[in-house]
Amino acid sequence: MVDQFDDVDFAIAAFREDDVWTVQELTRHHLVDVETLADALRRLPGDSGAVAMVAMDEDFFVVVRVSGPTTRVLLSDVTAADEWDLAASAVDFLGLPQPEDEDEQVPAGDLELLADLGMHPVDLGVLLEDFDLYPDEMLSDIARRVGFGELFDDVVGLTSA
């Protein structure tokens, strides 16, 4: 496994309180596994829970959403579990078998985790199938559709299109 902490592109948490979004960076120690990430999100306020977006090495991303005791996870590429602890943790959390060398790049998890915030599961599925996009581009699009795109871009250092 690769030392995931050396290759984190970004890790942010977003939450909405009184219809105002807040986006902040997560520290590397929150990225040990899905459970540690979920515990960090539970400490944040939010009318509809909190969302974490983590991009690794321009390779894959993980979205984790907590609301009360419920944790929902989306992994952009199951094959990332071969090399990355956080991706392997997501695969385990989802109850999936670890990928084999010949497995294809496919997303796994809950496509509906952001539906109530404005990201329709079909649109999310189509976005995940666009192999020309980097994880930061996909997550920026998701953040924009959910309502915190400009804040996301500012925190991760992207320029709004």
N, C-alpha and C. Protein backbone atom coordinates (compact mmCIF):
# COMPACT_ATOMS: atom_id res chain seq x y z
N MET A 1 0.83 -1.19 0.00
CA MET A 1 0.00 0.00 0.00
C MET A 1 0.87 1.25 0.00
N VAL A 2 0.41 2.26 -0.69
CA VAL A 2 1.09 3.55 -0.77
C VAL A 2 0.78 4.35 0.49
N ASP A 3 1.74 5.12 0.98
CA ASP A 3 1.47 6.00 2.11
C ASP A 3 0.53 7.09 1.65
N GLN A 4 -0.73 6.94 2.00
CA GLN A 4 -1.77 7.83 1.49
C GLN A 4 -1.57 9.29 1.89
N PHE A 5 -0.90 9.54 2.98
CA PHE A 5 -0.78 10.90 3.46
C PHE A 5 0.15 11.75 2.59
N ASP A 6 1.06 11.12 1.86
CA ASP A 6 1.96 11.86 0.99
C ASP A 6 1.27 12.32 -0.30
N ASP A 7 0.19 11.68 -0.66
CA ASP A 7 -0.41 11.93 -1.97
C ASP A 7 -1.86 12.40 -1.91
N VAL A 8 -2.24 13.04 -0.82
CA VAL A 8 -3.58 13.60 -0.73
C VAL A 8 -3.60 14.89 -1.55
N ASP A 9 -4.48 14.93 -2.54
CA ASP A 9 -4.64 16.17 -3.31
C ASP A 9 -5.36 17.21 -2.45
N PHE A 10 -6.45 16.79 -1.83
CA PHE A 10 -7.16 17.63 -0.87
C PHE A 10 -8.15 16.78 -0.11
N ALA A 11 -8.54 17.28 1.05
CA ALA A 11 -9.57 16.65 1.87
C ALA A 11 -10.37 17.78 2.52
N ILE A 12 -11.63 17.86 2.17
CA ILE A 12 -12.47 18.95 2.70
C ILE A 12 -13.74 18.37 3.33
N ALA A 13 -14.29 19.17 4.21
CA ALA A 13 -15.60 18.87 4.78
C ALA A 13 -16.51 20.04 4.46
N ALA A 14 -17.76 19.75 4.14
CA ALA A 14 -18.74 20.78 3.84
C ALA A 14 -20.00 20.50 4.65
N PHE A 15 -20.58 21.54 5.18
CA PHE A 15 -21.84 21.41 5.90
C PHE A 15 -22.64 22.69 5.73
N ARG A 16 -23.96 22.54 5.87
CA ARG A 16 -24.86 23.68 5.68
C ARG A 16 -25.63 23.92 6.97
N GLU A 17 -25.57 25.18 7.40
CA GLU A 17 -26.28 25.59 8.60
C GLU A 17 -27.07 26.85 8.27
N ASP A 18 -28.38 26.82 8.52
CA ASP A 18 -29.26 27.94 8.17
C ASP A 18 -29.11 28.33 6.71
N ASP A 19 -29.04 27.34 5.84
CA ASP A 19 -28.91 27.50 4.39
C ASP A 19 -27.62 28.19 3.93
N VAL A 20 -26.61 28.20 4.77
CA VAL A 20 -25.31 28.76 4.42
C VAL A 20 -24.28 27.65 4.50
N TRP A 21 -23.58 27.43 3.38
CA TRP A 21 -22.56 26.38 3.33
C TRP A 21 -21.25 26.87 3.93
N THR A 22 -20.57 25.97 4.60
CA THR A 22 -19.22 26.18 5.10
C THR A 22 -18.36 25.04 4.57
N VAL A 23 -17.19 25.38 4.07
CA VAL A 23 -16.24 24.37 3.58
C VAL A 23 -14.93 24.60 4.29
N GLN A 24 -14.37 23.51 4.83
CA GLN A 24 -13.09 23.62 5.52
C GLN A 24 -12.24 22.41 5.21
N GLU A 25 -10.95 22.59 5.37
CA GLU A 25 -10.03 21.48 5.12
C GLU A 25 -10.06 20.50 6.28
N LEU A 26 -9.88 19.23 5.95
CA LEU A 26 -9.71 18.19 6.95
C LEU A 26 -8.22 17.93 7.12
N THR A 27 -7.81 17.53 8.30
CA THR A 27 -6.41 17.21 8.51
C THR A 27 -6.12 15.78 8.06
N ARG A 28 -4.88 15.52 7.83
CA ARG A 28 -4.48 14.19 7.34
C ARG A 28 -4.83 13.07 8.32
N HIS A 29 -4.83 13.37 9.62
CA HIS A 29 -5.15 12.29 10.56
C HIS A 29 -6.62 11.88 10.50
N HIS A 30 -7.46 12.65 9.83
CA HIS A 30 -8.85 12.25 9.61
C HIS A 30 -8.99 11.22 8.50
N LEU A 31 -7.92 10.99 7.74
CA LEU A 31 -7.99 10.17 6.53
C LEU A 31 -7.49 8.74 6.72
N VAL A 32 -7.43 8.28 7.93
CA VAL A 32 -6.94 6.93 8.20
C VAL A 32 -7.84 5.90 7.54
N ASP A 33 -9.15 6.07 7.72
CA ASP A 33 -10.13 5.15 7.14
C ASP A 33 -11.50 5.83 7.14
N VAL A 34 -12.49 5.14 6.59
CA VAL A 34 -13.83 5.72 6.48
C VAL A 34 -14.41 6.04 7.85
N GLU A 35 -14.21 5.16 8.82
CA GLU A 35 -14.77 5.39 10.16
C GLU A 35 -14.17 6.63 10.82
N THR A 36 -12.87 6.83 10.70
CA THR A 36 -12.23 8.01 11.27
C THR A 36 -12.72 9.27 10.58
N LEU A 37 -12.89 9.21 9.29
CA LEU A 37 -13.42 10.33 8.53
C LEU A 37 -14.86 10.64 8.96
N ALA A 38 -15.67 9.61 9.10
CA ALA A 38 -17.06 9.79 9.54
C ALA A 38 -17.12 10.38 10.94
N ASP A 39 -16.25 9.93 11.84
CA ASP A 39 -16.22 10.49 13.20
C ASP A 39 -15.90 11.98 13.17
N ALA A 40 -14.98 12.39 12.30
CA ALA A 40 -14.64 13.81 12.17
C ALA A 40 -15.84 14.61 11.67
N LEU A 41 -16.59 14.04 10.73
CA LEU A 41 -17.76 14.73 10.19
C LEU A 41 -18.86 14.87 11.23
N ARG A 42 -19.00 13.88 12.09
CA ARG A 42 -20.05 13.93 13.13
C ARG A 42 -19.83 15.08 14.11
N ARG A 43 -18.63 15.57 14.21
CA ARG A 43 -18.33 16.67 15.13
C ARG A 43 -18.72 18.04 14.55
N LEU A 44 -19.07 18.05 13.27
CA LEU A 44 -19.42 19.31 12.61
C LEU A 44 -20.92 19.56 12.71
N PRO A 45 -21.31 20.83 12.75
CA PRO A 45 -22.74 21.12 12.73
C PRO A 45 -23.27 20.90 11.31
N GLY A 46 -24.54 21.03 11.16
CA GLY A 46 -25.10 20.92 9.82
C GLY A 46 -26.55 20.50 9.86
N ASP A 47 -27.35 21.18 9.04
CA ASP A 47 -28.78 20.88 8.99
C ASP A 47 -29.05 19.52 8.39
N SER A 48 -28.19 19.07 7.50
CA SER A 48 -28.40 17.78 6.83
C SER A 48 -27.14 16.93 6.90
N GLY A 49 -26.43 17.02 8.02
CA GLY A 49 -25.20 16.28 8.18
C GLY A 49 -24.04 17.01 7.55
N ALA A 50 -22.97 16.27 7.32
CA ALA A 50 -21.76 16.85 6.73
C ALA A 50 -21.24 15.91 5.65
N VAL A 51 -20.52 16.50 4.70
CA VAL A 51 -19.98 15.75 3.56
C VAL A 51 -18.48 15.95 3.53
N ALA A 52 -17.74 14.84 3.34
CA ALA A 52 -16.30 14.92 3.12
C ALA A 52 -16.02 14.55 1.67
N MET A 53 -15.07 15.25 1.09
CA MET A 53 -14.60 14.95 -0.26
C MET A 53 -13.08 14.86 -0.20
N VAL A 54 -12.56 13.69 -0.57
CA VAL A 54 -11.13 13.45 -0.51
C VAL A 54 -10.66 12.98 -1.88
N ALA A 55 -9.67 13.68 -2.43
CA ALA A 55 -9.07 13.28 -3.71
C ALA A 55 -7.64 12.85 -3.45
N MET A 56 -7.26 11.73 -4.07
CA MET A 56 -5.94 11.16 -3.84
C MET A 56 -5.17 11.04 -5.15
N ASP A 57 -3.99 11.66 -5.19
CA ASP A 57 -3.00 11.45 -6.24
C ASP A 57 -3.55 11.56 -7.66
N GLU A 58 -4.52 12.45 -7.84
CA GLU A 58 -5.19 12.61 -9.15
C GLU A 58 -5.66 11.27 -9.70
N ASP A 59 -5.97 10.32 -8.79
CA ASP A 59 -6.30 8.95 -9.16
C ASP A 59 -7.76 8.60 -8.88
N PHE A 60 -8.24 8.93 -7.69
CA PHE A 60 -9.60 8.56 -7.31
C PHE A 60 -10.07 9.52 -6.23
N PHE A 61 -11.37 9.40 -5.89
CA PHE A 61 -11.89 10.18 -4.78
C PHE A 61 -12.86 9.35 -3.96
N VAL A 62 -13.06 9.81 -2.74
CA VAL A 62 -14.03 9.24 -1.82
C VAL A 62 -14.92 10.37 -1.34
N VAL A 63 -16.23 10.13 -1.33
CA VAL A 63 -17.18 11.04 -0.72
C VAL A 63 -17.83 10.29 0.43
N VAL A 64 -17.81 10.90 1.60
CA VAL A 64 -18.45 10.32 2.77
C VAL A 64 -19.44 11.35 3.29
N ARG A 65 -20.65 10.88 3.59
CA ARG A 65 -21.66 11.77 4.15
C ARG A 65 -22.21 11.14 5.42
N VAL A 66 -22.25 11.92 6.47
CA VAL A 66 -22.85 11.47 7.71
C VAL A 66 -24.03 12.35 8.04
N SER A 67 -25.04 11.73 8.58
CA SER A 67 -26.20 12.43 9.10
C SER A 67 -26.68 11.60 10.28
N GLY A 68 -26.46 12.13 11.47
CA GLY A 68 -26.76 11.35 12.67
C GLY A 68 -25.89 10.11 12.68
N PRO A 69 -26.49 8.95 12.94
CA PRO A 69 -25.70 7.72 13.00
C PRO A 69 -25.41 7.09 11.63
N THR A 70 -25.99 7.65 10.58
CA THR A 70 -25.88 7.07 9.24
C THR A 70 -24.64 7.58 8.52
N THR A 71 -23.87 6.65 7.98
CA THR A 71 -22.70 6.98 7.16
C THR A 71 -22.93 6.40 5.78
N ARG A 72 -22.75 7.24 4.76
CA ARG A 72 -22.90 6.82 3.37
C ARG A 72 -21.59 7.11 2.64
N VAL A 73 -21.23 6.22 1.72
CA VAL A 73 -19.91 6.30 1.08
C VAL A 73 -20.03 6.10 -0.43
N LEU A 74 -19.21 6.86 -1.16
CA LEU A 74 -19.06 6.68 -2.60
C LEU A 74 -17.57 6.69 -2.91
N LEU A 75 -17.13 5.67 -3.62
CA LEU A 75 -15.73 5.54 -4.05
C LEU A 75 -15.72 5.59 -5.57
N SER A 76 -14.90 6.45 -6.14
CA SER A 76 -14.92 6.64 -7.60
C SER A 76 -14.32 5.48 -8.37
N ASP A 77 -13.45 4.69 -7.73
CA ASP A 77 -12.77 3.61 -8.45
C ASP A 77 -12.37 2.51 -7.47
N VAL A 78 -13.04 1.36 -7.56
CA VAL A 78 -12.74 0.26 -6.63
C VAL A 78 -11.32 -0.27 -6.78
N THR A 79 -10.74 -0.16 -7.97
CA THR A 79 -9.39 -0.70 -8.16
C THR A 79 -8.35 0.07 -7.35
N ALA A 80 -8.69 1.27 -6.90
CA ALA A 80 -7.78 2.04 -6.06
C ALA A 80 -7.51 1.34 -4.73
N ALA A 81 -8.38 0.42 -4.35
CA ALA A 81 -8.21 -0.31 -3.09
C ALA A 81 -6.97 -1.20 -3.11
N ASP A 82 -6.45 -1.50 -4.30
CA ASP A 82 -5.22 -2.29 -4.40
C ASP A 82 -4.01 -1.54 -3.85
N GLU A 83 -4.04 -0.21 -3.93
CA GLU A 83 -2.87 0.59 -3.57
C GLU A 83 -3.08 1.56 -2.42
N TRP A 84 -4.32 1.89 -2.11
CA TRP A 84 -4.61 2.99 -1.19
C TRP A 84 -5.43 2.51 0.00
N ASP A 85 -4.93 2.81 1.20
CA ASP A 85 -5.63 2.39 2.42
C ASP A 85 -7.04 2.96 2.52
N LEU A 86 -7.20 4.23 2.19
CA LEU A 86 -8.52 4.84 2.31
C LEU A 86 -9.52 4.18 1.36
N ALA A 87 -9.09 3.88 0.14
CA ALA A 87 -9.96 3.19 -0.82
C ALA A 87 -10.28 1.78 -0.34
N ALA A 88 -9.30 1.08 0.21
CA ALA A 88 -9.54 -0.26 0.74
C ALA A 88 -10.54 -0.21 1.90
N SER A 89 -10.43 0.83 2.72
CA SER A 89 -11.37 1.02 3.82
C SER A 89 -12.79 1.25 3.29
N ALA A 90 -12.91 2.03 2.21
CA ALA A 90 -14.23 2.28 1.61
C ALA A 90 -14.82 0.98 1.06
N VAL A 91 -14.00 0.17 0.40
CA VAL A 91 -14.47 -1.11 -0.13
C VAL A 91 -14.94 -2.00 1.01
N ASP A 92 -14.16 -2.05 2.09
CA ASP A 92 -14.56 -2.83 3.26
C ASP A 92 -15.86 -2.31 3.86
N PHE A 93 -15.96 -0.98 4.03
CA PHE A 93 -17.16 -0.37 4.59
C PHE A 93 -18.39 -0.74 3.77
N LEU A 94 -18.23 -0.77 2.45
CA LEU A 94 -19.34 -1.09 1.55
C LEU A 94 -19.64 -2.59 1.49
N GLY A 95 -18.80 -3.38 2.14
CA GLY A 95 -19.02 -4.82 2.17
C GLY A 95 -18.71 -5.51 0.86
N LEU A 96 -17.79 -4.93 0.08
CA LEU A 96 -17.43 -5.49 -1.21
C LEU A 96 -16.13 -6.28 -1.09
N PRO A 97 -15.93 -7.23 -1.99
CA PRO A 97 -14.64 -7.92 -2.00
C PRO A 97 -13.55 -6.98 -2.51
N GLN A 98 -12.34 -7.17 -2.01
CA GLN A 98 -11.22 -6.38 -2.51
C GLN A 98 -11.02 -6.72 -4.00
N PRO A 99 -10.69 -5.73 -4.81
CA PRO A 99 -10.57 -5.97 -6.26
C PRO A 99 -9.41 -6.89 -6.61
N GLU A 100 -9.56 -7.53 -7.73
CA GLU A 100 -8.50 -8.37 -8.30
C GLU A 100 -7.74 -7.53 -9.33
N ASP A 101 -6.56 -7.98 -9.71
CA ASP A 101 -5.74 -7.24 -10.67
C ASP A 101 -6.46 -6.99 -11.99
N GLU A 102 -7.29 -7.93 -12.41
CA GLU A 102 -7.94 -7.80 -13.71
C GLU A 102 -9.26 -7.01 -13.66
N ASP A 103 -9.69 -6.59 -12.48
CA ASP A 103 -10.93 -5.84 -12.36
C ASP A 103 -10.82 -4.49 -13.08
N GLU A 104 -11.96 -4.05 -13.59
CA GLU A 104 -12.02 -2.77 -14.29
C GLU A 104 -12.31 -1.64 -13.31
N GLN A 105 -11.96 -0.44 -13.75
CA GLN A 105 -12.22 0.76 -12.95
C GLN A 105 -13.71 1.03 -12.95
N VAL A 106 -14.34 0.86 -11.80
CA VAL A 106 -15.77 1.15 -11.64
C VAL A 106 -15.98 1.82 -10.29
N PRO A 107 -16.98 2.68 -10.21
CA PRO A 107 -17.30 3.28 -8.92
C PRO A 107 -18.08 2.27 -8.07
N ALA A 108 -18.15 2.56 -6.78
CA ALA A 108 -18.93 1.72 -5.87
C ALA A 108 -19.49 2.60 -4.77
N GLY A 109 -20.64 2.20 -4.29
CA GLY A 109 -21.22 2.92 -3.16
C GLY A 109 -22.56 3.51 -3.48
N ASP A 110 -22.90 4.54 -2.74
CA ASP A 110 -24.24 5.11 -2.71
C ASP A 110 -24.34 6.31 -3.66
N LEU A 111 -24.91 6.07 -4.84
CA LEU A 111 -25.09 7.17 -5.80
C LEU A 111 -26.15 8.17 -5.34
N GLU A 112 -26.94 7.81 -4.34
CA GLU A 112 -28.00 8.70 -3.85
C GLU A 112 -27.58 9.53 -2.65
N LEU A 113 -26.31 9.46 -2.24
CA LEU A 113 -25.92 10.10 -1.00
C LEU A 113 -26.07 11.62 -1.02
N LEU A 114 -26.13 12.23 -2.20
CA LEU A 114 -26.29 13.70 -2.28
C LEU A 114 -27.58 14.10 -3.00
N ALA A 115 -28.47 13.15 -3.23
CA ALA A 115 -29.69 13.42 -4.00
C ALA A 115 -30.55 14.51 -3.37
N ASP A 116 -30.70 14.49 -2.05
CA ASP A 116 -31.54 15.49 -1.39
C ASP A 116 -30.90 16.88 -1.39
N LEU A 117 -29.63 16.95 -1.74
CA LEU A 117 -28.93 18.23 -1.81
C LEU A 117 -28.83 18.78 -3.24
N GLY A 118 -29.33 18.00 -4.22
CA GLY A 118 -29.37 18.50 -5.58
C GLY A 118 -28.56 17.73 -6.60
N MET A 119 -27.85 16.68 -6.18
CA MET A 119 -27.06 15.88 -7.13
C MET A 119 -27.81 14.58 -7.40
N HIS A 120 -28.53 14.55 -8.51
CA HIS A 120 -29.35 13.39 -8.88
C HIS A 120 -28.44 12.18 -9.10
N PRO A 121 -28.86 10.99 -8.64
CA PRO A 121 -28.02 9.79 -8.80
C PRO A 121 -27.64 9.48 -10.25
N VAL A 122 -28.54 9.73 -11.19
CA VAL A 122 -28.23 9.47 -12.60
C VAL A 122 -27.13 10.42 -13.06
N ASP A 123 -27.22 11.69 -12.69
CA ASP A 123 -26.19 12.66 -13.06
C ASP A 123 -24.84 12.29 -12.43
N LEU A 124 -24.87 11.82 -11.20
CA LEU A 124 -23.65 11.40 -10.54
C LEU A 124 -23.04 10.19 -11.25
N GLY A 125 -23.89 9.25 -11.64
CA GLY A 125 -23.41 8.08 -12.38
C GLY A 125 -22.78 8.45 -13.71
N VAL A 126 -23.40 9.38 -14.42
CA VAL A 126 -22.85 9.83 -15.71
C VAL A 126 -21.51 10.52 -15.49
N LEU A 127 -21.42 11.34 -14.47
CA LEU A 127 -20.17 12.04 -14.17
C LEU A 127 -19.05 11.04 -13.87
N LEU A 128 -19.36 10.00 -13.11
CA LEU A 128 -18.36 8.99 -12.75
C LEU A 128 -17.87 8.18 -13.95
N GLU A 129 -18.67 8.15 -15.01
CA GLU A 129 -18.29 7.40 -16.21
C GLU A 129 -17.41 8.21 -17.15
N ASP A 130 -17.18 9.49 -16.84
CA ASP A 130 -16.36 10.35 -17.70
C ASP A 130 -14.89 10.20 -17.29
N PHE A 131 -14.20 9.27 -17.95
CA PHE A 131 -12.82 8.95 -17.59
C PHE A 131 -11.84 10.04 -18.01
N ASP A 132 -12.30 11.06 -18.73
CA ASP A 132 -11.42 12.16 -19.12
C ASP A 132 -11.26 13.20 -18.01
N LEU A 133 -12.12 13.13 -16.99
CA LEU A 133 -12.06 14.09 -15.90
C LEU A 133 -11.19 13.59 -14.76
N TYR A 134 -10.47 14.52 -14.14
CA TYR A 134 -9.70 14.21 -12.94
C TYR A 134 -10.64 14.28 -11.73
N PRO A 135 -10.25 13.64 -10.62
CA PRO A 135 -11.09 13.68 -9.42
C PRO A 135 -11.44 15.10 -8.96
N ASP A 136 -10.49 16.03 -9.02
CA ASP A 136 -10.81 17.39 -8.57
C ASP A 136 -11.87 18.04 -9.46
N GLU A 137 -11.85 17.73 -10.75
CA GLU A 137 -12.86 18.28 -11.66
C GLU A 137 -14.24 17.68 -11.37
N MET A 138 -14.28 16.39 -11.11
CA MET A 138 -15.55 15.74 -10.78
C MET A 138 -16.12 16.29 -9.48
N LEU A 139 -15.26 16.39 -8.47
CA LEU A 139 -15.73 16.88 -7.17
C LEU A 139 -16.14 18.34 -7.23
N SER A 140 -15.46 19.13 -8.04
CA SER A 140 -15.85 20.53 -8.22
C SER A 140 -17.25 20.61 -8.85
N ASP A 141 -17.50 19.75 -9.83
CA ASP A 141 -18.82 19.72 -10.47
C ASP A 141 -19.89 19.29 -9.46
N ILE A 142 -19.59 18.29 -8.67
CA ILE A 142 -20.54 17.83 -7.64
C ILE A 142 -20.81 18.96 -6.65
N ALA A 143 -19.76 19.60 -6.17
CA ALA A 143 -19.91 20.70 -5.21
C ALA A 143 -20.75 21.83 -5.79
N ARG A 144 -20.55 22.13 -7.05
CA ARG A 144 -21.31 23.19 -7.70
C ARG A 144 -22.80 22.84 -7.75
N ARG A 145 -23.09 21.60 -8.10
CA ARG A 145 -24.50 21.17 -8.20
C ARG A 145 -25.18 21.12 -6.84
N VAL A 146 -24.41 20.83 -5.81
CA VAL A 146 -24.97 20.74 -4.46
C VAL A 146 -25.12 22.13 -3.84
N GLY A 147 -24.30 23.07 -4.27
CA GLY A 147 -24.49 24.44 -3.80
C GLY A 147 -23.30 25.09 -3.14
N PHE A 148 -22.14 24.41 -3.10
CA PHE A 148 -20.97 25.04 -2.48
C PHE A 148 -19.76 25.03 -3.42
N GLY A 149 -20.01 25.14 -4.71
CA GLY A 149 -18.96 25.07 -5.71
C GLY A 149 -17.89 26.14 -5.57
N GLU A 150 -18.28 27.38 -5.39
CA GLU A 150 -17.28 28.45 -5.27
C GLU A 150 -16.44 28.28 -4.01
N LEU A 151 -17.08 27.92 -2.90
CA LEU A 151 -16.33 27.69 -1.66
C LEU A 151 -15.36 26.53 -1.82
N PHE A 152 -15.83 25.46 -2.46
CA PHE A 152 -14.99 24.30 -2.72
C PHE A 152 -13.77 24.71 -3.53
N ASP A 153 -14.01 25.40 -4.65
CA ASP A 153 -12.92 25.81 -5.53
C ASP A 153 -11.91 26.70 -4.80
N ASP A 154 -12.42 27.59 -3.94
CA ASP A 154 -11.53 28.47 -3.18
C ASP A 154 -10.65 27.66 -2.22
N VAL A 155 -11.25 26.71 -1.50
CA VAL A 155 -10.51 25.95 -0.50
C VAL A 155 -9.47 25.04 -1.15
N VAL A 156 -9.81 24.41 -2.29
CA VAL A 156 -8.87 23.47 -2.90
C VAL A 156 -7.98 24.13 -3.94
N GLY A 157 -8.18 25.42 -4.21
CA GLY A 157 -7.28 26.14 -5.09
C GLY A 157 -7.60 26.01 -6.57
N LEU A 158 -8.86 25.73 -6.89
CA LEU A 158 -9.26 25.65 -8.30
C LEU A 158 -9.84 27.01 -8.73
N THR A 159 -9.78 27.27 -9.99
CA THR A 159 -10.38 28.49 -10.53
C THR A 159 -11.75 28.10 -11.07
N SER A 160 -12.76 28.85 -10.68
CA SER A 160 -14.12 28.57 -11.17
C SER A 160 -14.19 28.78 -12.65
N ALA A 161 -14.88 27.85 -13.32
CA ALA A 161 -15.01 27.94 -14.78
C ALA A 161 -16.16 28.83 -15.16
